[in-house]
Amino acid sequence: MQTTTVTTLAVTTAPPDVVGSWEGSYAFPTIDGALVDSPLLVVIERQEGTALWGYEQFDDAGQVIRIPFTGSFDADGQSFGLAATGLTIIGTMTGADQMNLRFFRVADPPTSFQVMVERTSSQRS
């Protein structure tokens, strides 16, 4: 019997400090064919190494919705994933105070959209 050994090399780069408030605006397509413009607030409340905790906040017909998420950075220290019930967010740092986010909402109704957000405040001193 022949055995094969596979070696995986993980490149680990320390992620940037992303704690703070991040804001942007986007348009998302709806199931009924509309295109809705909306502002977005993403808050990273806590970061421990590559691990992240925070929430997404948006307005839905006058009601403020806050969705908590958790996630982590990839080994490259620039890309990351965030998850909440019915929601996946894939992000990439594009600058010290700018990130690109791709949202995949799989709850009812489902949608996907991209938004560029900029840090508007840092919660670390």
PDB file of N, CA and C in Angstrom:
ATOM      1  N   MET A   1       0.832  -1.167   0.000  1.00  0.00           N
ATOM      2  CA  MET A   1       0.000   0.000   0.000  1.00  0.00           C
ATOM      3  C   MET A   1       0.879   1.233   0.000  1.00  0.00           C
ATOM      4  N   GLN A   2       0.581   2.167  -0.905  1.00  0.00           N
ATOM      5  CA  GLN A   2       1.352   3.394  -1.015  1.00  0.00           C
ATOM      6  C   GLN A   2       0.647   4.499  -0.229  1.00  0.00           C
ATOM      7  N   THR A   3       1.438   5.280   0.510  1.00  0.00           N
ATOM      8  CA  THR A   3       0.870   6.412   1.246  1.00  0.00           C
ATOM      9  C   THR A   3       1.389   7.710   0.649  1.00  0.00           C
ATOM     10  N   THR A   4       0.565   8.714   0.704  1.00  0.00           N
ATOM     11  CA  THR A   4       0.914  10.021   0.182  1.00  0.00           C
ATOM     12  C   THR A   4       0.865  11.025   1.309  1.00  0.00           C
ATOM     13  N   THR A   5       1.879  11.845   1.392  1.00  0.00           N
ATOM     14  CA  THR A   5       1.921  12.894   2.402  1.00  0.00           C
ATOM     15  C   THR A   5       1.685  14.232   1.720  1.00  0.00           C
ATOM     16  N   VAL A   6       0.741  14.973   2.248  1.00  0.00           N
ATOM     17  CA  VAL A   6       0.436  16.300   1.718  1.00  0.00           C
ATOM     18  C   VAL A   6       0.862  17.334   2.753  1.00  0.00           C
ATOM     19  N   THR A   7       1.639  18.292   2.302  1.00  0.00           N
ATOM     20  CA  THR A   7       2.089  19.358   3.186  1.00  0.00           C
ATOM     21  C   THR A   7       1.417  20.650   2.771  1.00  0.00           C
ATOM     22  N   THR A   8       0.795  21.315   3.733  1.00  0.00           N
ATOM     23  CA  THR A   8       0.142  22.586   3.466  1.00  0.00           C
ATOM     24  C   THR A   8       0.913  23.688   4.164  1.00  0.00           C
ATOM     25  N   LEU A   9       1.261  24.714   3.413  1.00  0.00           N
ATOM     26  CA  LEU A   9       1.951  25.853   3.975  1.00  0.00           C
ATOM     27  C   LEU A   9       0.948  26.977   4.173  1.00  0.00           C
ATOM     28  N   ALA A  10       0.807  27.423   5.395  1.00  0.00           N
ATOM     29  CA  ALA A  10      -0.110  28.519   5.685  1.00  0.00           C
ATOM     30  C   ALA A  10       0.692  29.797   5.865  1.00  0.00           C
ATOM     31  N   VAL A  11       0.392  30.772   5.045  1.00  0.00           N
ATOM     32  CA  VAL A  11       1.018  32.071   5.186  1.00  0.00           C
ATOM     33  C   VAL A  11       0.132  32.870   6.126  1.00  0.00           C
ATOM     34  N   THR A  12       0.672  33.297   7.233  1.00  0.00           N
ATOM     35  CA  THR A  12      -0.123  34.033   8.205  1.00  0.00           C
ATOM     36  C   THR A  12       0.405  35.453   8.317  1.00  0.00           C
ATOM     37  N   THR A  13      -0.443  36.391   7.982  1.00  0.00           N
ATOM     38  CA  THR A  13      -0.130  37.801   8.089  1.00  0.00           C
ATOM     39  C   THR A  13      -1.063  38.395   9.120  1.00  0.00           C
ATOM     40  N   ALA A  14      -0.524  39.152  10.046  1.00  0.00           N
ATOM     41  CA  ALA A  14      -1.351  39.762  11.088  1.00  0.00           C
ATOM     42  C   ALA A  14      -2.383  40.679  10.445  1.00  0.00           C
ATOM     43  N   PRO A  15      -3.641  40.542  10.841  1.00  0.00           N
ATOM     44  CA  PRO A  15      -4.684  41.399  10.263  1.00  0.00           C
ATOM     45  C   PRO A  15      -4.605  42.813  10.824  1.00  0.00           C
ATOM     46  N   PRO A  16      -5.145  43.787  10.084  1.00  0.00           N
ATOM     47  CA  PRO A  16      -5.170  45.155  10.602  1.00  0.00           C
ATOM     48  C   PRO A  16      -6.215  45.292  11.710  1.00  0.00           C
ATOM     49  N   ASP A  17      -6.100  46.328  12.485  1.00  0.00           N
ATOM     50  CA  ASP A  17      -7.093  46.668  13.506  1.00  0.00           C
ATOM     51  C   ASP A  17      -8.315  47.216  12.770  1.00  0.00           C
ATOM     52  N   VAL A  18      -9.461  46.544  12.880  1.00  0.00           N
ATOM     53  CA  VAL A  18     -10.674  46.985  12.184  1.00  0.00           C
ATOM     54  C   VAL A  18     -11.787  47.406  13.142  1.00  0.00           C
ATOM     55  N   VAL A  19     -11.479  47.496  14.436  1.00  0.00           N
ATOM     56  CA  VAL A  19     -12.497  47.912  15.407  1.00  0.00           C
ATOM     57  C   VAL A  19     -12.944  49.332  15.082  1.00  0.00           C
ATOM     58  N   GLY A  20     -14.259  49.537  15.039  1.00  0.00           N
ATOM     59  CA  GLY A  20     -14.806  50.854  14.774  1.00  0.00           C
ATOM     60  C   GLY A  20     -16.086  50.777  13.970  1.00  0.00           C
ATOM     61  N   SER A  21     -16.547  51.940  13.561  1.00  0.00           N
ATOM     62  CA  SER A  21     -17.774  52.064  12.762  1.00  0.00           C
ATOM     63  C   SER A  21     -17.391  52.267  11.302  1.00  0.00           C
ATOM     64  N   TRP A  22     -18.056  51.534  10.427  1.00  0.00           N
ATOM     65  CA  TRP A  22     -17.797  51.564   8.988  1.00  0.00           C
ATOM     66  C   TRP A  22     -19.113  51.885   8.288  1.00  0.00           C
ATOM     67  N   GLU A  23     -19.109  52.892   7.396  1.00  0.00           N
ATOM     68  CA  GLU A  23     -20.349  53.309   6.746  1.00  0.00           C
ATOM     69  C   GLU A  23     -20.206  53.360   5.237  1.00  0.00           C
ATOM     70  N   GLY A  24     -21.337  53.120   4.579  1.00  0.00           N
ATOM     71  CA  GLY A  24     -21.405  53.198   3.127  1.00  0.00           C
ATOM     72  C   GLY A  24     -22.855  53.168   2.694  1.00  0.00           C
ATOM     73  N   SER A  25     -23.077  53.196   1.396  1.00  0.00           N
ATOM     74  CA  SER A  25     -24.433  53.067   0.869  1.00  0.00           C
ATOM     75  C   SER A  25     -24.393  52.115  -0.315  1.00  0.00           C
ATOM     76  N   TYR A  26     -25.521  51.490  -0.580  1.00  0.00           N
ATOM     77  CA  TYR A  26     -25.585  50.462  -1.602  1.00  0.00           C
ATOM     78  C   TYR A  26     -26.987  50.396  -2.186  1.00  0.00           C
ATOM     79  N   ALA A  27     -27.122  49.675  -3.284  1.00  0.00           N
ATOM     80  CA  ALA A  27     -28.425  49.382  -3.871  1.00  0.00           C
ATOM     81  C   ALA A  27     -28.556  47.868  -3.918  1.00  0.00           C
ATOM     82  N   PHE A  28     -29.684  47.353  -3.445  1.00  0.00           N
ATOM     83  CA  PHE A  28     -29.868  45.907  -3.486  1.00  0.00           C
ATOM     84  C   PHE A  28     -31.107  45.549  -4.302  1.00  0.00           C
ATOM     85  N   PRO A  29     -30.998  44.466  -5.086  1.00  0.00           N
ATOM     86  CA  PRO A  29     -32.136  44.022  -5.887  1.00  0.00           C
ATOM     87  C   PRO A  29     -33.104  43.200  -5.032  1.00  0.00           C
ATOM     88  N   THR A  30     -34.395  43.416  -5.247  1.00  0.00           N
ATOM     89  CA  THR A  30     -35.408  42.654  -4.526  1.00  0.00           C
ATOM     90  C   THR A  30     -36.003  41.584  -5.434  1.00  0.00           C
ATOM     91  N   ILE A  31     -36.606  40.602  -4.834  1.00  0.00           N
ATOM     92  CA  ILE A  31     -37.246  39.497  -5.562  1.00  0.00           C
ATOM     93  C   ILE A  31     -38.329  40.004  -6.517  1.00  0.00           C
ATOM     94  N   ASP A  32     -39.019  41.104  -6.144  1.00  0.00           N
ATOM     95  CA  ASP A  32     -40.102  41.624  -6.986  1.00  0.00           C
ATOM     96  C   ASP A  32     -39.621  42.576  -8.078  1.00  0.00           C
ATOM     97  N   GLY A  33     -38.301  42.704  -8.266  1.00  0.00           N
ATOM     98  CA  GLY A  33     -37.755  43.475  -9.375  1.00  0.00           C
ATOM     99  C   GLY A  33     -37.362  44.902  -9.051  1.00  0.00           C
ATOM    100  N   ALA A  34     -37.477  45.325  -7.811  1.00  0.00           N
ATOM    101  CA  ALA A  34     -37.097  46.689  -7.435  1.00  0.00           C
ATOM    102  C   ALA A  34     -35.600  46.765  -7.144  1.00  0.00           C
ATOM    103  N   LEU A  35     -35.077  47.973  -7.203  1.00  0.00           N
ATOM    104  CA  LEU A  35     -33.701  48.244  -6.799  1.00  0.00           C
ATOM    105  C   LEU A  35     -33.791  49.292  -5.696  1.00  0.00           C
ATOM    106  N   VAL A  36     -33.391  48.920  -4.473  1.00  0.00           N
ATOM    107  CA  VAL A  36     -33.577  49.762  -3.302  1.00  0.00           C
ATOM    108  C   VAL A  36     -32.236  50.316  -2.831  1.00  0.00           C
ATOM    109  N   ASP A  37     -32.155  51.644  -2.702  1.00  0.00           N
ATOM    110  CA  ASP A  37     -30.961  52.304  -2.163  1.00  0.00           C
ATOM    111  C   ASP A  37     -31.048  52.330  -0.644  1.00  0.00           C
ATOM    112  N   SER A  38     -29.928  52.114   0.013  1.00  0.00           N
ATOM    113  CA  SER A  38     -29.945  52.077   1.471  1.00  0.00           C
ATOM    114  C   SER A  38     -28.576  52.432   2.038  1.00  0.00           C
ATOM    115  N   PRO A  39     -28.545  53.182   3.150  1.00  0.00           N
ATOM    116  CA  PRO A  39     -27.278  53.385   3.863  1.00  0.00           C
ATOM    117  C   PRO A  39     -26.982  52.147   4.711  1.00  0.00           C
ATOM    118  N   LEU A  40     -25.719  51.957   5.072  1.00  0.00           N
ATOM    119  CA  LEU A  40     -25.310  50.792   5.837  1.00  0.00           C
ATOM    120  C   LEU A  40     -24.309  51.205   6.906  1.00  0.00           C
ATOM    121  N   LEU A  41     -24.460  50.617   8.068  1.00  0.00           N
ATOM    122  CA  LEU A  41     -23.503  50.786   9.155  1.00  0.00           C
ATOM    123  C   LEU A  41     -23.044  49.397   9.581  1.00  0.00           C
ATOM    124  N   VAL A  42     -21.748  49.178   9.582  1.00  0.00           N
ATOM    125  CA  VAL A  42     -21.154  47.943  10.091  1.00  0.00           C
ATOM    126  C   VAL A  42     -20.256  48.362  11.249  1.00  0.00           C
ATOM    127  N   VAL A  43     -20.454  47.738  12.401  1.00  0.00           N
ATOM    128  CA  VAL A  43     -19.661  48.066  13.571  1.00  0.00           C
ATOM    129  C   VAL A  43     -18.900  46.816  14.014  1.00  0.00           C
ATOM    130  N   ILE A  44     -17.582  46.936  14.056  1.00  0.00           N
ATOM    131  CA  ILE A  44     -16.745  45.884  14.617  1.00  0.00           C
ATOM    132  C   ILE A  44     -16.490  46.302  16.059  1.00  0.00           C
ATOM    133  N   GLU A  45     -17.136  45.618  16.989  1.00  0.00           N
ATOM    134  CA  GLU A  45     -17.042  45.983  18.409  1.00  0.00           C
ATOM    135  C   GLU A  45     -15.813  45.404  19.092  1.00  0.00           C
ATOM    136  N   ARG A  46     -15.366  44.251  18.591  1.00  0.00           N
ATOM    137  CA  ARG A  46     -14.272  43.550  19.269  1.00  0.00           C
ATOM    138  C   ARG A  46     -13.455  42.772  18.250  1.00  0.00           C
ATOM    139  N   GLN A  47     -12.139  42.765  18.472  1.00  0.00           N
ATOM    140  CA  GLN A  47     -11.221  41.989  17.640  1.00  0.00           C
ATOM    141  C   GLN A  47     -10.163  41.386  18.543  1.00  0.00           C
ATOM    142  N   GLU A  48     -10.001  40.089  18.435  1.00  0.00           N
ATOM    143  CA  GLU A  48      -8.927  39.382  19.143  1.00  0.00           C
ATOM    144  C   GLU A  48      -8.145  38.596  18.107  1.00  0.00           C
ATOM    145  N   GLY A  49      -7.007  39.133  17.708  1.00  0.00           N
ATOM    146  CA  GLY A  49      -6.226  38.503  16.650  1.00  0.00           C
ATOM    147  C   GLY A  49      -7.019  38.511  15.357  1.00  0.00           C
ATOM    148  N   THR A  50      -7.338  37.314  14.854  1.00  0.00           N
ATOM    149  CA  THR A  50      -8.100  37.224  13.615  1.00  0.00           C
ATOM    150  C   THR A  50      -9.612  37.157  13.841  1.00  0.00           C
ATOM    151  N   ALA A  51     -10.046  36.974  15.092  1.00  0.00           N
ATOM    152  CA  ALA A  51     -11.477  36.822  15.406  1.00  0.00           C
ATOM    153  C   ALA A  51     -12.168  38.181  15.513  1.00  0.00           C
ATOM    154  N   LEU A  52     -13.420  38.238  15.003  1.00  0.00           N
ATOM    155  CA  LEU A  52     -14.186  39.483  14.959  1.00  0.00           C
ATOM    156  C   LEU A  52     -15.589  39.292  15.517  1.00  0.00           C
ATOM    157  N   TRP A  53     -16.113  40.342  16.190  1.00  0.00           N
ATOM    158  CA  TRP A  53     -17.487  40.377  16.694  1.00  0.00           C
ATOM    159  C   TRP A  53     -18.050  41.747  16.379  1.00  0.00           C
ATOM    160  N   GLY A  54     -19.309  41.801  15.961  1.00  0.00           N
ATOM    161  CA  GLY A  54     -19.920  43.094  15.696  1.00  0.00           C
ATOM    162  C   GLY A  54     -21.343  42.960  15.218  1.00  0.00           C
ATOM    163  N   TYR A  55     -21.793  43.963  14.472  1.00  0.00           N
ATOM    164  CA  TYR A  55     -23.155  43.922  13.939  1.00  0.00           C
ATOM    165  C   TYR A  55     -23.275  44.788  12.691  1.00  0.00           C
ATOM    166  N   GLU A  56     -24.284  44.468  11.903  1.00  0.00           N
ATOM    167  CA  GLU A  56     -24.711  45.271  10.760  1.00  0.00           C
ATOM    168  C   GLU A  56     -25.965  46.006  11.208  1.00  0.00           C
ATOM    169  N   GLN A  57     -26.106  47.262  10.806  1.00  0.00           N
ATOM    170  CA  GLN A  57     -27.307  48.013  11.164  1.00  0.00           C
ATOM    171  C   GLN A  57     -27.824  48.752   9.934  1.00  0.00           C
ATOM    172  N   PHE A  58     -29.130  48.680   9.728  1.00  0.00           N
ATOM    173  CA  PHE A  58     -29.756  49.374   8.610  1.00  0.00           C
ATOM    174  C   PHE A  58     -31.186  49.731   8.982  1.00  0.00           C
ATOM    175  N   ASP A  59     -31.790  50.584   8.166  1.00  0.00           N
ATOM    176  CA  ASP A  59     -33.169  51.017   8.383  1.00  0.00           C
ATOM    177  C   ASP A  59     -34.081  50.247   7.434  1.00  0.00           C
ATOM    178  N   ASP A  60     -35.141  49.665   7.959  1.00  0.00           N
ATOM    179  CA  ASP A  60     -36.128  48.943   7.154  1.00  0.00           C
ATOM    180  C   ASP A  60     -37.495  49.563   7.388  1.00  0.00           C
ATOM    181  N   ALA A  61     -37.909  50.427   6.459  1.00  0.00           N
ATOM    182  CA  ALA A  61     -39.204  51.111   6.539  1.00  0.00           C
ATOM    183  C   ALA A  61     -39.366  51.850   7.867  1.00  0.00           C
ATOM    184  N   GLY A  62     -38.318  52.558   8.285  1.00  0.00           N
ATOM    185  CA  GLY A  62     -38.383  53.335   9.511  1.00  0.00           C
ATOM    186  C   GLY A  62     -38.007  52.582  10.774  1.00  0.00           C
ATOM    187  N   GLN A  63     -37.786  51.277  10.658  1.00  0.00           N
ATOM    188  CA  GLN A  63     -37.399  50.479  11.815  1.00  0.00           C
ATOM    189  C   GLN A  63     -35.907  50.150  11.722  1.00  0.00           C
ATOM    190  N   VAL A  64     -35.162  50.444  12.782  1.00  0.00           N
ATOM    191  CA  VAL A  64     -33.724  50.145  12.814  1.00  0.00           C
ATOM    192  C   VAL A  64     -33.537  48.659  13.101  1.00  0.00           C
ATOM    193  N   ILE A  65     -32.821  47.990  12.211  1.00  0.00           N
ATOM    194  CA  ILE A  65     -32.533  46.564  12.330  1.00  0.00           C
ATOM    195  C   ILE A  65     -31.051  46.403  12.642  1.00  0.00           C
ATOM    196  N   ARG A  66     -30.730  45.617  13.656  1.00  0.00           N
ATOM    197  CA  ARG A  66     -29.341  45.339  14.034  1.00  0.00           C
ATOM    198  C   ARG A  66     -29.146  43.829  14.017  1.00  0.00           C
ATOM    199  N   ILE A  67     -28.196  43.374  13.195  1.00  0.00           N
ATOM    200  CA  ILE A  67     -27.918  41.944  13.056  1.00  0.00           C
ATOM    201  C   ILE A  67     -26.522  41.646  13.586  1.00  0.00           C
ATOM    202  N   PRO A  68     -26.419  40.919  14.707  1.00  0.00           N
ATOM    203  CA  PRO A  68     -25.096  40.574  15.238  1.00  0.00           C
ATOM    204  C   PRO A  68     -24.410  39.513  14.367  1.00  0.00           C
ATOM    205  N   PHE A  69     -23.082  39.614  14.269  1.00  0.00           N
ATOM    206  CA  PHE A  69     -22.307  38.630  13.514  1.00  0.00           C
ATOM    207  C   PHE A  69     -21.003  38.317  14.226  1.00  0.00           C
ATOM    208  N   THR A  70     -20.402  37.229  13.806  1.00  0.00           N
ATOM    209  CA  THR A  70     -19.049  36.858  14.215  1.00  0.00           C
ATOM    210  C   THR A  70     -18.289  36.478  12.956  1.00  0.00           C
ATOM    211  N   GLY A  71     -16.968  36.455  13.049  1.00  0.00           N
ATOM    212  CA  GLY A  71     -16.195  36.082  11.874  1.00  0.00           C
ATOM    213  C   GLY A  71     -14.718  36.070  12.164  1.00  0.00           C
ATOM    214  N   SER A  72     -13.945  35.971  11.086  1.00  0.00           N
ATOM    215  CA  SER A  72     -12.497  35.951  11.244  1.00  0.00           C
ATOM    216  C   SER A  72     -11.808  36.313   9.936  1.00  0.00           C
ATOM    217  N   PHE A  73     -10.553  36.761  10.086  1.00  0.00           N
ATOM    218  CA  PHE A  73      -9.693  37.059   8.940  1.00  0.00           C
ATOM    219  C   PHE A  73      -9.122  35.770   8.376  1.00  0.00           C
ATOM    220  N   ASP A  74      -8.826  35.789   7.081  1.00  0.00           N
ATOM    221  CA  ASP A  74      -8.097  34.706   6.431  1.00  0.00           C
ATOM    222  C   ASP A  74      -6.615  34.832   6.788  1.00  0.00           C
ATOM    223  N   ALA A  75      -5.833  33.847   6.414  1.00  0.00           N
ATOM    224  CA  ALA A  75      -4.397  33.840   6.698  1.00  0.00           C
ATOM    225  C   ALA A  75      -3.661  34.990   6.022  1.00  0.00           C
ATOM    226  N   ASP A  76      -4.246  35.559   4.952  1.00  0.00           N
ATOM    227  CA  ASP A  76      -3.574  36.665   4.263  1.00  0.00           C
ATOM    228  C   ASP A  76      -3.675  37.990   5.021  1.00  0.00           C
ATOM    229  N   GLY A  77      -4.506  38.041   6.075  1.00  0.00           N
ATOM    230  CA  GLY A  77      -4.651  39.243   6.878  1.00  0.00           C
ATOM    231  C   GLY A  77      -5.401  40.374   6.192  1.00  0.00           C
ATOM    232  N   GLN A  78      -5.947  40.141   5.018  1.00  0.00           N
ATOM    233  CA  GLN A  78      -6.667  41.177   4.274  1.00  0.00           C
ATOM    234  C   GLN A  78      -8.108  40.803   3.947  1.00  0.00           C
ATOM    235  N   SER A  79      -8.392  39.524   3.786  1.00  0.00           N
ATOM    236  CA  SER A  79      -9.753  39.091   3.493  1.00  0.00           C
ATOM    237  C   SER A  79     -10.342  38.412   4.717  1.00  0.00           C
ATOM    238  N   PHE A  80     -11.670  38.451   4.821  1.00  0.00           N
ATOM    239  CA  PHE A  80     -12.331  37.924   6.006  1.00  0.00           C
ATOM    240  C   PHE A  80     -13.743  37.495   5.665  1.00  0.00           C
ATOM    241  N   GLY A  81     -14.330  36.730   6.570  1.00  0.00           N
ATOM    242  CA  GLY A  81     -15.715  36.318   6.447  1.00  0.00           C
ATOM    243  C   GLY A  81     -16.452  36.625   7.734  1.00  0.00           C
ATOM    244  N   LEU A  82     -17.714  37.039   7.598  1.00  0.00           N
ATOM    245  CA  LEU A  82     -18.579  37.320   8.737  1.00  0.00           C
ATOM    246  C   LEU A  82     -19.861  36.519   8.534  1.00  0.00           C
ATOM    247  N   ALA A  83     -20.446  36.033   9.628  1.00  0.00           N
ATOM    248  CA  ALA A  83     -21.648  35.219   9.503  1.00  0.00           C
ATOM    249  C   ALA A  83     -22.676  35.582  10.561  1.00  0.00           C
ATOM    250  N   ALA A  84     -23.931  35.557  10.136  1.00  0.00           N
ATOM    251  CA  ALA A  84     -25.089  35.731  11.009  1.00  0.00           C
ATOM    252  C   ALA A  84     -26.143  34.759  10.502  1.00  0.00           C
ATOM    253  N   THR A  85     -27.179  34.570  11.260  1.00  0.00           N
ATOM    254  CA  THR A  85     -28.249  33.680  10.815  1.00  0.00           C
ATOM    255  C   THR A  85     -28.820  34.203   9.496  1.00  0.00           C
ATOM    256  N   GLY A  86     -28.748  33.389   8.455  1.00  0.00           N
ATOM    257  CA  GLY A  86     -29.286  33.753   7.143  1.00  0.00           C
ATOM    258  C   GLY A  86     -28.453  34.749   6.360  1.00  0.00           C
ATOM    259  N   LEU A  87     -27.230  35.050   6.820  1.00  0.00           N
ATOM    260  CA  LEU A  87     -26.417  36.075   6.177  1.00  0.00           C
ATOM    261  C   LEU A  87     -24.946  35.691   6.194  1.00  0.00           C
ATOM    262  N   THR A  88     -24.296  35.845   5.043  1.00  0.00           N
ATOM    263  CA  THR A  88     -22.857  35.674   4.924  1.00  0.00           C
ATOM    264  C   THR A  88     -22.293  36.946   4.318  1.00  0.00           C
ATOM    265  N   ILE A  89     -21.192  37.443   4.879  1.00  0.00           N
ATOM    266  CA  ILE A  89     -20.525  38.633   4.360  1.00  0.00           C
ATOM    267  C   ILE A  89     -19.074  38.262   4.093  1.00  0.00           C
ATOM    268  N   ILE A  90     -18.619  38.520   2.876  1.00  0.00           N
ATOM    269  CA  ILE A  90     -17.225  38.288   2.516  1.00  0.00           C
ATOM    270  C   ILE A  90     -16.602  39.658   2.295  1.00  0.00           C
ATOM    271  N   GLY A  91     -15.489  39.914   2.977  1.00  0.00           N
ATOM    272  CA  GLY A  91     -14.879  41.228   2.908  1.00  0.00           C
ATOM    273  C   GLY A  91     -13.414  41.191   2.537  1.00  0.00           C
ATOM    274  N   THR A  92     -12.945  42.329   2.017  1.00  0.00           N
ATOM    275  CA  THR A  92     -11.540  42.522   1.677  1.00  0.00           C
ATOM    276  C   THR A  92     -11.141  43.928   2.073  1.00  0.00           C
ATOM    277  N   MET A  93     -10.040  44.049   2.784  1.00  0.00           N
ATOM    278  CA  MET A  93      -9.502  45.366   3.119  1.00  0.00           C
ATOM    279  C   MET A  93      -8.927  45.975   1.847  1.00  0.00           C
ATOM    280  N   THR A  94      -9.302  47.208   1.552  1.00  0.00           N
ATOM    281  CA  THR A  94      -8.772  47.896   0.378  1.00  0.00           C
ATOM    282  C   THR A  94      -7.933  49.103   0.779  1.00  0.00           C
ATOM    283  N   GLY A  95      -7.826  49.334   2.076  1.00  0.00           N
ATOM    284  CA  GLY A  95      -7.031  50.416   2.634  1.00  0.00           C
ATOM    285  C   GLY A  95      -7.155  50.347   4.143  1.00  0.00           C
ATOM    286  N   ALA A  96      -6.400  51.165   4.857  1.00  0.00           N
ATOM    287  CA  ALA A  96      -6.444  51.131   6.320  1.00  0.00           C
ATOM    288  C   ALA A  96      -7.827  51.458   6.854  1.00  0.00           C
ATOM    289  N   ASP A  97      -8.565  52.308   6.142  1.00  0.00           N
ATOM    290  CA  ASP A  97      -9.888  52.734   6.590  1.00  0.00           C
ATOM    291  C   ASP A  97     -10.959  52.487   5.537  1.00  0.00           C
ATOM    292  N   GLN A  98     -10.752  51.469   4.706  1.00  0.00           N
ATOM    293  CA  GLN A  98     -11.729  51.165   3.656  1.00  0.00           C
ATOM    294  C   GLN A  98     -11.774  49.656   3.425  1.00  0.00           C
ATOM    295  N   MET A  99     -12.991  49.132   3.291  1.00  0.00           N
ATOM    296  CA  MET A  99     -13.153  47.715   2.976  1.00  0.00           C
ATOM    297  C   MET A  99     -14.295  47.527   1.993  1.00  0.00           C
ATOM    298  N   ASN A 100     -14.178  46.485   1.199  1.00  0.00           N
ATOM    299  CA  ASN A 100     -15.213  46.098   0.260  1.00  0.00           C
ATOM    300  C   ASN A 100     -15.954  44.905   0.863  1.00  0.00           C
ATOM    301  N   LEU A 101     -17.274  44.987   0.925  1.00  0.00           N
ATOM    302  CA  LEU A 101     -18.088  43.916   1.505  1.00  0.00           C
ATOM    303  C   LEU A 101     -19.049  43.363   0.469  1.00  0.00           C
ATOM    304  N   ARG A 102     -19.178  42.050   0.409  1.00  0.00           N
ATOM    305  CA  ARG A 102     -20.139  41.366  -0.456  1.00  0.00           C
ATOM    306  C   ARG A 102     -21.091  40.614   0.463  1.00  0.00           C
ATOM    307  N   PHE A 103     -22.378  40.989   0.452  1.00  0.00           N
ATOM    308  CA  PHE A 103     -23.407  40.395   1.303  1.00  0.00           C
ATOM    309  C   PHE A 103     -24.186  39.337   0.537  1.00  0.00           C
ATOM    310  N   PHE A 104     -24.444  38.210   1.195  1.00  0.00           N
ATOM    311  CA  PHE A 104     -25.304  37.159   0.666  1.00  0.00           C
ATOM    312  C   PHE A 104     -26.368  36.883   1.718  1.00  0.00           C
ATOM    313  N   ARG A 105     -27.566  37.393   1.494  1.00  0.00           N
ATOM    314  CA  ARG A 105     -28.672  37.140   2.412  1.00  0.00           C
ATOM    315  C   ARG A 105     -29.451  35.955   1.872  1.00  0.00           C
ATOM    316  N   VAL A 106     -29.527  34.889   2.665  1.00  0.00           N
ATOM    317  CA  VAL A 106     -30.220  33.683   2.219  1.00  0.00           C
ATOM    318  C   VAL A 106     -31.532  33.476   2.959  1.00  0.00           C
ATOM    319  N   ALA A 107     -31.889  34.426   3.827  1.00  0.00           N
ATOM    320  CA  ALA A 107     -33.184  34.383   4.496  1.00  0.00           C
ATOM    321  C   ALA A 107     -34.248  34.847   3.499  1.00  0.00           C
ATOM    322  N   ASP A 108     -35.481  34.814   3.898  1.00  0.00           N
ATOM    323  CA  ASP A 108     -36.571  35.220   3.023  1.00  0.00           C
ATOM    324  C   ASP A 108     -36.865  36.695   3.222  1.00  0.00           C
ATOM    325  N   PRO A 109     -36.758  37.557   2.235  1.00  0.00           N
ATOM    326  CA  PRO A 109     -36.388  37.285   0.846  1.00  0.00           C
ATOM    327  C   PRO A 109     -34.865  37.338   0.655  1.00  0.00           C
ATOM    328  N   PRO A 110     -34.337  36.496  -0.201  1.00  0.00           N
ATOM    329  CA  PRO A 110     -32.886  36.469  -0.429  1.00  0.00           C
ATOM    330  C   PRO A 110     -32.439  37.619  -1.338  1.00  0.00           C
ATOM    331  N   THR A 111     -31.186  38.022  -1.177  1.00  0.00           N
ATOM    332  CA  THR A 111     -30.581  39.015  -2.072  1.00  0.00           C
ATOM    333  C   THR A 111     -29.070  38.983  -1.880  1.00  0.00           C
ATOM    334  N   SER A 112     -28.366  39.654  -2.754  1.00  0.00           N
ATOM    335  CA  SER A 112     -26.926  39.811  -2.629  1.00  0.00           C
ATOM    336  C   SER A 112     -26.570  41.194  -3.149  1.00  0.00           C
ATOM    337  N   PHE A 113     -25.564  41.814  -2.528  1.00  0.00           N
ATOM    338  CA  PHE A 113     -25.124  43.127  -2.972  1.00  0.00           C
ATOM    339  C   PHE A 113     -23.703  43.370  -2.494  1.00  0.00           C
ATOM    340  N   GLN A 114     -23.072  44.358  -3.098  1.00  0.00           N
ATOM    341  CA  GLN A 114     -21.709  44.759  -2.768  1.00  0.00           C
ATOM    342  C   GLN A 114     -21.747  46.189  -2.270  1.00  0.00           C
ATOM    343  N   VAL A 115     -20.907  46.506  -1.288  1.00  0.00           N
ATOM    344  CA  VAL A 115     -20.817  47.874  -0.790  1.00  0.00           C
ATOM    345  C   VAL A 115     -19.389  48.161  -0.334  1.00  0.00           C
ATOM    346  N   MET A 116     -18.917  49.359  -0.655  1.00  0.00           N
ATOM    347  CA  MET A 116     -17.626  49.833  -0.171  1.00  0.00           C
ATOM    348  C   MET A 116     -17.926  50.662   1.070  1.00  0.00           C
ATOM    349  N   VAL A 117     -17.272  50.360   2.183  1.00  0.00           N
ATOM    350  CA  VAL A 117     -17.491  51.110   3.418  1.00  0.00           C
ATOM    351  C   VAL A 117     -16.177  51.747   3.868  1.00  0.00           C
ATOM    352  N   GLU A 118     -16.316  52.870   4.557  1.00  0.00           N
ATOM    353  CA  GLU A 118     -15.158  53.563   5.107  1.00  0.00           C
ATOM    354  C   GLU A 118     -15.313  53.710   6.600  1.00  0.00           C
ATOM    355  N   ARG A 119     -14.195  53.622   7.313  1.00  0.00           N
ATOM    356  CA  ARG A 119     -14.229  53.778   8.767  1.00  0.00           C
ATOM    357  C   ARG A 119     -14.538  55.239   9.089  1.00  0.00           C
ATOM    358  N   THR A 120     -15.573  55.437   9.904  1.00  0.00           N
ATOM    359  CA  THR A 120     -15.963  56.792  10.304  1.00  0.00           C
ATOM    360  C   THR A 120     -15.559  57.088  11.744  1.00  0.00           C
ATOM    361  N   SER A 121     -15.289  56.036  12.516  1.00  0.00           N
ATOM    362  CA  SER A 121     -14.786  56.241  13.873  1.00  0.00           C
ATOM    363  C   SER A 121     -14.101  54.969  14.341  1.00  0.00           C
ATOM    364  N   SER A 122     -13.131  55.150  15.209  1.00  0.00           N
ATOM    365  CA  SER A 122     -12.441  54.027  15.821  1.00  0.00           C
ATOM    366  C   SER A 122     -12.859  53.957  17.273  1.00  0.00           C
ATOM    367  N   GLN A 123     -13.103  52.751  17.765  1.00  0.00           N
ATOM    368  CA  GLN A 123     -13.534  52.587  19.137  1.00  0.00           C
ATOM    369  C   GLN A 123     -12.377  52.274  20.066  1.00  0.00           C
ATOM    370  N   ARG A 124     -11.178  52.199  19.526  1.00  0.00           N
ATOM    371  CA  ARG A 124      -9.994  51.967  20.363  1.00  0.00           C
ATOM    372  C   ARG A 124      -9.324  53.290  20.644  1.00  0.00           C
ATOM    373  N   SER A 125      -8.736  53.395  21.808  1.00  0.00           N
ATOM    374  CA  SER A 125      -8.032  54.648  22.142  1.00  0.00           C
ATOM    375  C   SER A 125      -6.563  54.549  21.846  1.00  0.00           C
TER     376      SER A 125
END
